[in-house]
Amino acid sequence: EELIGQVAVEGRRDLQLLERRGPSADHPVA
C-alpha cells in the first residue's frame, strides 16, 4: 500500500484504496 501511494503521489494522481484482499478461503492463514 505504501508503494502504491508513493507512486500515485509521484505521478500526481489521486488514489483511493477500495479493497484489501487476500487469497480465496481454501488458502487460509494460520
All heavy atoms as atom14 arrays in JSON, in Angstrom:
{
  "sequence": "EELIGQVAVEGRRDLQLLERRGPSADHPVA",
  "atom14_mask": [
    [1, 1, 1, 1, 1, 1, 1, 1, 1, 0, 0, 0, 0, 0],
    [1, 1, 1, 1, 1, 1, 1, 1, 1, 0, 0, 0, 0, 0],
    [1, 1, 1, 1, 1, 1, 1, 1, 0, 0, 0, 0, 0, 0],
    [1, 1, 1, 1, 1, 1, 1, 1, 0, 0, 0, 0, 0, 0],
    [1, 1, 1, 1, 0, 0, 0, 0, 0, 0, 0, 0, 0, 0],
    [1, 1, 1, 1, 1, 1, 1, 1, 1, 0, 0, 0, 0, 0],
    [1, 1, 1, 1, 1, 1, 1, 0, 0, 0, 0, 0, 0, 0],
    [1, 1, 1, 1, 1, 0, 0, 0, 0, 0, 0, 0, 0, 0],
    [1, 1, 1, 1, 1, 1, 1, 0, 0, 0, 0, 0, 0, 0],
    [1, 1, 1, 1, 1, 1, 1, 1, 1, 0, 0, 0, 0, 0],
    [1, 1, 1, 1, 0, 0, 0, 0, 0, 0, 0, 0, 0, 0],
    [1, 1, 1, 1, 1, 1, 1, 1, 1, 1, 1, 0, 0, 0],
    [1, 1, 1, 1, 1, 1, 1, 1, 1, 1, 1, 0, 0, 0],
    [1, 1, 1, 1, 1, 1, 1, 1, 0, 0, 0, 0, 0, 0],
    [1, 1, 1, 1, 1, 1, 1, 1, 0, 0, 0, 0, 0, 0],
    [1, 1, 1, 1, 1, 1, 1, 1, 1, 0, 0, 0, 0, 0],
    [1, 1, 1, 1, 1, 1, 1, 1, 0, 0, 0, 0, 0, 0],
    [1, 1, 1, 1, 1, 1, 1, 1, 0, 0, 0, 0, 0, 0],
    [1, 1, 1, 1, 1, 1, 1, 1, 1, 0, 0, 0, 0, 0],
    [1, 1, 1, 1, 1, 1, 1, 1, 1, 1, 1, 0, 0, 0],
    [1, 1, 1, 1, 1, 1, 1, 1, 1, 1, 1, 0, 0, 0],
    [1, 1, 1, 1, 0, 0, 0, 0, 0, 0, 0, 0, 0, 0],
    [1, 1, 1, 1, 1, 1, 1, 0, 0, 0, 0, 0, 0, 0],
    [1, 1, 1, 1, 1, 1, 0, 0, 0, 0, 0, 0, 0, 0],
    [1, 1, 1, 1, 1, 0, 0, 0, 0, 0, 0, 0, 0, 0],
    [1, 1, 1, 1, 1, 1, 1, 1, 0, 0, 0, 0, 0, 0],
    [1, 1, 1, 1, 1, 1, 1, 1, 1, 1, 0, 0, 0, 0],
    [1, 1, 1, 1, 1, 1, 1, 0, 0, 0, 0, 0, 0, 0],
    [1, 1, 1, 1, 1, 1, 1, 0, 0, 0, 0, 0, 0, 0],
    [1, 1, 1, 1, 1, 0, 0, 0, 0, 0, 0, 0, 0, 0]
  ],
  "atom14_positions": [
    [[0.83, -1.21, 0.0], [0.0, 0.0, 0.0], [0.86, 1.26, 0.0], [0.55, 2.24, -0.69], [-0.93, 0.0, 1.21], [-2.04, -1.04, 1.11], [-2.95, -1.01, 2.32], [-2.75, -0.16, 3.21], [-3.88, -1.84, 2.37], [0.0, 0.0, 0.0], [0.0, 0.0, 0.0], [0.0, 0.0, 0.0], [0.0, 0.0, 0.0], [0.0, 0.0, 0.0]],
    [[1.95, 1.24, 0.76], [2.83, 2.42, 0.79], [3.47, 2.64, -0.57], [3.59, 3.79, -1.03], [3.9, 2.23, 1.87], [3.36, 2.35, 3.28], [4.43, 2.18, 4.34], [5.58, 1.86, 3.96], [4.13, 2.39, 5.54], [0.0, 0.0, 0.0], [0.0, 0.0, 0.0], [0.0, 0.0, 0.0], [0.0, 0.0, 0.0], [0.0, 0.0, 0.0]],
    [[3.87, 1.56, -1.23], [4.47, 1.69, -2.55], [3.46, 2.27, -3.54], [3.79, 3.19, -4.32], [4.96, 0.33, -3.03], [5.68, 0.27, -4.38], [6.76, -0.8, -4.36], [4.7, -0.03, -5.52], [0.0, 0.0, 0.0], [0.0, 0.0, 0.0], [0.0, 0.0, 0.0], [0.0, 0.0, 0.0], [0.0, 0.0, 0.0], [0.0, 0.0, 0.0]],
    [[2.23, 1.75, -3.52], [1.19, 2.26, -4.43], [0.96, 3.74, -4.17], [0.85, 4.54, -5.1], [-0.11, 1.46, -4.24], [0.07, 0.0, -4.67], [-1.26, 2.09, -5.03], [-1.07, -0.91, -4.25], [0.0, 0.0, 0.0], [0.0, 0.0, 0.0], [0.0, 0.0, 0.0], [0.0, 0.0, 0.0], [0.0, 0.0, 0.0], [0.0, 0.0, 0.0]],
    [[0.88, 4.1, -2.89], [0.66, 5.5, -2.55], [1.79, 6.41, -3.0], [1.56, 7.51, -3.54], [0.0, 0.0, 0.0], [0.0, 0.0, 0.0], [0.0, 0.0, 0.0], [0.0, 0.0, 0.0], [0.0, 0.0, 0.0], [0.0, 0.0, 0.0], [0.0, 0.0, 0.0], [0.0, 0.0, 0.0], [0.0, 0.0, 0.0], [0.0, 0.0, 0.0]],
    [[3.02, 5.97, -2.82], [4.17, 6.76, -3.25], [4.16, 6.99, -4.76], [4.41, 8.1, -5.24], [5.46, 6.07, -2.84], [5.72, 6.07, -1.35], [6.85, 5.12, -0.96], [7.53, 4.56, -1.83], [7.05, 4.93, 0.33], [0.0, 0.0, 0.0], [0.0, 0.0, 0.0], [0.0, 0.0, 0.0], [0.0, 0.0, 0.0], [0.0, 0.0, 0.0]],
    [[3.87, 5.93, -5.51], [3.85, 6.05, -6.97], [2.73, 6.99, -7.42], [2.9, 7.79, -8.36], [3.71, 4.66, -7.62], [3.51, 4.79, -9.13], [4.93, 3.8, -7.33], [0.0, 0.0, 0.0], [0.0, 0.0, 0.0], [0.0, 0.0, 0.0], [0.0, 0.0, 0.0], [0.0, 0.0, 0.0], [0.0, 0.0, 0.0], [0.0, 0.0, 0.0]],
    [[1.59, 6.92, -6.76], [0.47, 7.8, -7.11], [0.83, 9.26, -6.86], [0.56, 10.13, -7.7], [-0.77, 7.41, -6.3], [0.0, 0.0, 0.0], [0.0, 0.0, 0.0], [0.0, 0.0, 0.0], [0.0, 0.0, 0.0], [0.0, 0.0, 0.0], [0.0, 0.0, 0.0], [0.0, 0.0, 0.0], [0.0, 0.0, 0.0], [0.0, 0.0, 0.0]],
    [[1.45, 9.54, -5.72], [1.84, 10.92, -5.4], [2.88, 11.41, -6.4], [2.79, 12.53, -6.92], [2.39, 11.0, -3.96], [3.04, 12.37, -3.71], [1.27, 10.75, -2.95], [0.0, 0.0, 0.0], [0.0, 0.0, 0.0], [0.0, 0.0, 0.0], [0.0, 0.0, 0.0], [0.0, 0.0, 0.0], [0.0, 0.0, 0.0], [0.0, 0.0, 0.0]],
    [[3.86, 10.58, -6.71], [4.9, 10.96, -7.67], [4.29, 11.21, -9.05], [4.77, 12.08, -9.8], [5.95, 9.86, -7.76], [6.8, 9.72, -6.49], [7.57, 8.41, -6.45], [7.49, 7.63, -7.44], [8.24, 8.14, -5.44], [0.0, 0.0, 0.0], [0.0, 0.0, 0.0], [0.0, 0.0, 0.0], [0.0, 0.0, 0.0], [0.0, 0.0, 0.0]],
    [[3.26, 10.46, -9.4], [2.62, 10.62, -10.7], [1.51, 11.65, -10.71], [0.8, 11.79, -11.72], [0.0, 0.0, 0.0], [0.0, 0.0, 0.0], [0.0, 0.0, 0.0], [0.0, 0.0, 0.0], [0.0, 0.0, 0.0], [0.0, 0.0, 0.0], [0.0, 0.0, 0.0], [0.0, 0.0, 0.0], [0.0, 0.0, 0.0], [0.0, 0.0, 0.0]],
    [[1.33, 12.35, -9.57], [0.29, 13.39, -9.44], [-1.1, 12.83, -9.76], [-1.9, 13.47, -10.45], [0.62, 14.58, -10.34], [1.93, 15.27, -10.0], [2.22, 16.44, -10.94], [3.48, 17.07, -10.63], [3.63, 18.06, -9.73], [2.6, 18.48, -9.05], [4.82, 18.59, -9.52], [0.0, 0.0, 0.0], [0.0, 0.0, 0.0], [0.0, 0.0, 0.0]],
    [[-1.37, 11.64, -9.25], [-2.68, 11.02, -9.39], [-3.27, 10.8, -8.01], [-2.62, 10.26, -7.11], [-2.59, 9.66, -10.11], [-1.97, 9.68, -11.49], [-2.84, 10.36, -12.53], [-4.09, 9.66, -12.8], [-4.25, 8.73, -13.75], [-3.21, 8.35, -14.49], [-5.44, 8.19, -13.97], [0.0, 0.0, 0.0], [0.0, 0.0, 0.0], [0.0, 0.0, 0.0]],
    [[-4.52, 11.23, -7.82], [-5.22, 10.92, -6.58], [-5.65, 9.46, -6.63], [-6.11, 8.97, -7.68], [-6.44, 11.82, -6.41], [-6.06, 13.26, -6.09], [-5.01, 13.46, -5.45], [-6.8, 14.17, -6.49], [0.0, 0.0, 0.0], [0.0, 0.0, 0.0], [0.0, 0.0, 0.0], [0.0, 0.0, 0.0], [0.0, 0.0, 0.0], [0.0, 0.0, 0.0]],
    [[-5.52, 8.78, -5.5], [-5.8, 7.35, -5.48], [-6.55, 6.99, -4.21], [-6.19, 7.44, -3.11], [-4.49, 6.56, -5.59], [-4.58, 5.05, -5.69], [-3.49, 4.5, -6.61], [-4.42, 4.41, -4.3], [0.0, 0.0, 0.0], [0.0, 0.0, 0.0], [0.0, 0.0, 0.0], [0.0, 0.0, 0.0], [0.0, 0.0, 0.0], [0.0, 0.0, 0.0]],
    [[-7.61, 6.19, -4.35], [-8.38, 5.71, -3.21], [-8.27, 4.18, -3.14], [-8.5, 3.5, -4.14], [-9.87, 6.07, -3.37], [-10.14, 7.56, -3.43], [-11.57, 7.86, -3.87], [-12.08, 7.23, -4.8], [-12.21, 8.8, -3.19], [0.0, 0.0, 0.0], [0.0, 0.0, 0.0], [0.0, 0.0, 0.0], [0.0, 0.0, 0.0], [0.0, 0.0, 0.0]],
    [[-7.93, 3.67, -1.97], [-7.91, 2.22, -1.76], [-9.33, 1.75, -1.52], [-9.99, 2.18, -0.58], [-7.03, 1.86, -0.56], [-5.56, 2.29, -0.64], [-4.83, 1.89, 0.64], [-4.87, 1.66, -1.83], [0.0, 0.0, 0.0], [0.0, 0.0, 0.0], [0.0, 0.0, 0.0], [0.0, 0.0, 0.0], [0.0, 0.0, 0.0], [0.0, 0.0, 0.0]],
    [[-9.81, 0.88, -2.39], [-11.19, 0.39, -2.29], [-11.29, -0.91, -1.5], [-12.19, -1.07, -0.68], [-11.78, 0.18, -3.69], [-11.77, 1.38, -4.63], [-12.41, 1.0, -5.96], [-12.49, 2.56, -4.0], [0.0, 0.0, 0.0], [0.0, 0.0, 0.0], [0.0, 0.0, 0.0], [0.0, 0.0, 0.0], [0.0, 0.0, 0.0], [0.0, 0.0, 0.0]],
    [[-10.39, -1.84, -1.77], [-10.44, -3.14, -1.09], [-9.04, -3.66, -0.83], [-8.16, -3.54, -1.69], [-11.21, -4.17, -1.92], [-12.69, -3.9, -2.06], [-13.46, -5.17, -2.4], [-13.15, -6.24, -1.82], [-14.36, -5.09, -3.25], [0.0, 0.0, 0.0], [0.0, 0.0, 0.0], [0.0, 0.0, 0.0], [0.0, 0.0, 0.0], [0.0, 0.0, 0.0]],
    [[-8.87, -4.25, 0.34], [-7.66, -5.01, 0.67], [-8.08, -6.48, 0.74], [-8.92, -6.84, 1.55], [-7.09, -4.59, 2.02], [-6.71, -3.13, 2.11], [-6.3, -2.81, 3.55], [-5.81, -1.45, 3.7], [-6.57, -0.41, 4.01], [-7.88, -0.57, 4.17], [-6.04, 0.79, 4.14], [0.0, 0.0, 0.0], [0.0, 0.0, 0.0], [0.0, 0.0, 0.0]],
    [[-7.49, -7.3, -0.1], [-7.94, -8.68, -0.19], [-6.75, -9.65, -0.09], [-5.6, -9.28, -0.31], [-8.68, -8.92, -1.5], [-9.89, -8.0, -1.69], [-10.67, -8.34, -2.95], [-11.09, -9.73, -2.92], [-12.18, -10.17, -2.29], [-12.97, -9.32, -1.65], [-12.5, -11.45, -2.3], [0.0, 0.0, 0.0], [0.0, 0.0, 0.0], [0.0, 0.0, 0.0]],
    [[-7.07, -10.9, 0.23], [-6.07, -11.95, 0.27], [-6.5, -13.08, -0.65], [-7.29, -12.89, -1.57], [0.0, 0.0, 0.0], [0.0, 0.0, 0.0], [0.0, 0.0, 0.0], [0.0, 0.0, 0.0], [0.0, 0.0, 0.0], [0.0, 0.0, 0.0], [0.0, 0.0, 0.0], [0.0, 0.0, 0.0], [0.0, 0.0, 0.0], [0.0, 0.0, 0.0]],
    [[-6.01, -14.29, -0.42], [-6.37, -15.42, -1.26], [-7.77, -15.93, -0.92], [-8.36, -15.56, 0.09], [-5.31, -16.46, -0.92], [-4.94, -16.16, 0.5], [-5.03, -14.66, 0.62], [0.0, 0.0, 0.0], [0.0, 0.0, 0.0], [0.0, 0.0, 0.0], [0.0, 0.0, 0.0], [0.0, 0.0, 0.0], [0.0, 0.0, 0.0], [0.0, 0.0, 0.0]],
    [[-8.3, -16.8, -1.78], [-9.57, -17.43, -1.51], [-9.47, -18.28, -0.25], [-8.38, -18.67, 0.19], [-10.01, -18.27, -2.71], [-8.95, -19.11, -3.15], [0.0, 0.0, 0.0], [0.0, 0.0, 0.0], [0.0, 0.0, 0.0], [0.0, 0.0, 0.0], [0.0, 0.0, 0.0], [0.0, 0.0, 0.0], [0.0, 0.0, 0.0], [0.0, 0.0, 0.0]],
    [[-10.61, -18.6, 0.34], [-10.65, -19.16, 1.7], [-10.09, -20.58, 1.79], [-9.85, -21.06, 2.9], [-12.09, -19.14, 2.22], [0.0, 0.0, 0.0], [0.0, 0.0, 0.0], [0.0, 0.0, 0.0], [0.0, 0.0, 0.0], [0.0, 0.0, 0.0], [0.0, 0.0, 0.0], [0.0, 0.0, 0.0], [0.0, 0.0, 0.0], [0.0, 0.0, 0.0]],
    [[-9.89, -21.25, 0.66], [-9.23, -22.56, 0.73], [-7.72, -22.41, 0.86], [-7.0, -23.42, 0.86], [-9.59, -23.43, -0.48], [-9.39, -22.73, -1.8], [-9.38, -21.48, -1.83], [-9.25, -23.41, -2.84], [0.0, 0.0, 0.0], [0.0, 0.0, 0.0], [0.0, 0.0, 0.0], [0.0, 0.0, 0.0], [0.0, 0.0, 0.0], [0.0, 0.0, 0.0]],
    [[-7.26, -21.16, 0.98], [-5.86, -20.85, 1.28], [-5.82, -20.05, 2.59], [-5.45, -18.88, 2.61], [-5.24, -20.0, 0.16], [-5.16, -20.67, -1.17], [-6.27, -21.06, -1.89], [-4.1, -21.02, -1.93], [-5.89, -21.62, -3.02], [-4.58, -21.61, -3.06], [0.0, 0.0, 0.0], [0.0, 0.0, 0.0], [0.0, 0.0, 0.0], [0.0, 0.0, 0.0]],
    [[-6.21, -20.68, 3.7], [-6.3, -19.93, 4.97], [-4.93, -19.53, 5.49], [-3.9, -20.0, 5.0], [-6.98, -20.94, 5.9], [-6.57, -22.27, 5.37], [-6.51, -22.11, 3.87], [0.0, 0.0, 0.0], [0.0, 0.0, 0.0], [0.0, 0.0, 0.0], [0.0, 0.0, 0.0], [0.0, 0.0, 0.0], [0.0, 0.0, 0.0], [0.0, 0.0, 0.0]],
    [[-4.94, -18.67, 6.48], [-3.7, -18.25, 7.14], [-3.73, -18.77, 8.58], [-4.68, -18.51, 9.31], [-3.57, -16.71, 7.15], [-2.31, -16.29, 7.91], [-3.55, -16.17, 5.73], [0.0, 0.0, 0.0], [0.0, 0.0, 0.0], [0.0, 0.0, 0.0], [0.0, 0.0, 0.0], [0.0, 0.0, 0.0], [0.0, 0.0, 0.0], [0.0, 0.0, 0.0]],
    [[-2.71, -19.51, 8.97], [-2.61, -19.99, 10.35], [-2.13, -18.85, 11.22], [-1.11, -18.22, 10.93], [-1.65, -21.18, 10.43], [0.0, 0.0, 0.0], [0.0, 0.0, 0.0], [0.0, 0.0, 0.0], [0.0, 0.0, 0.0], [0.0, 0.0, 0.0], [0.0, 0.0, 0.0], [0.0, 0.0, 0.0], [0.0, 0.0, 0.0], [0.0, 0.0, 0.0]]
  ]
}
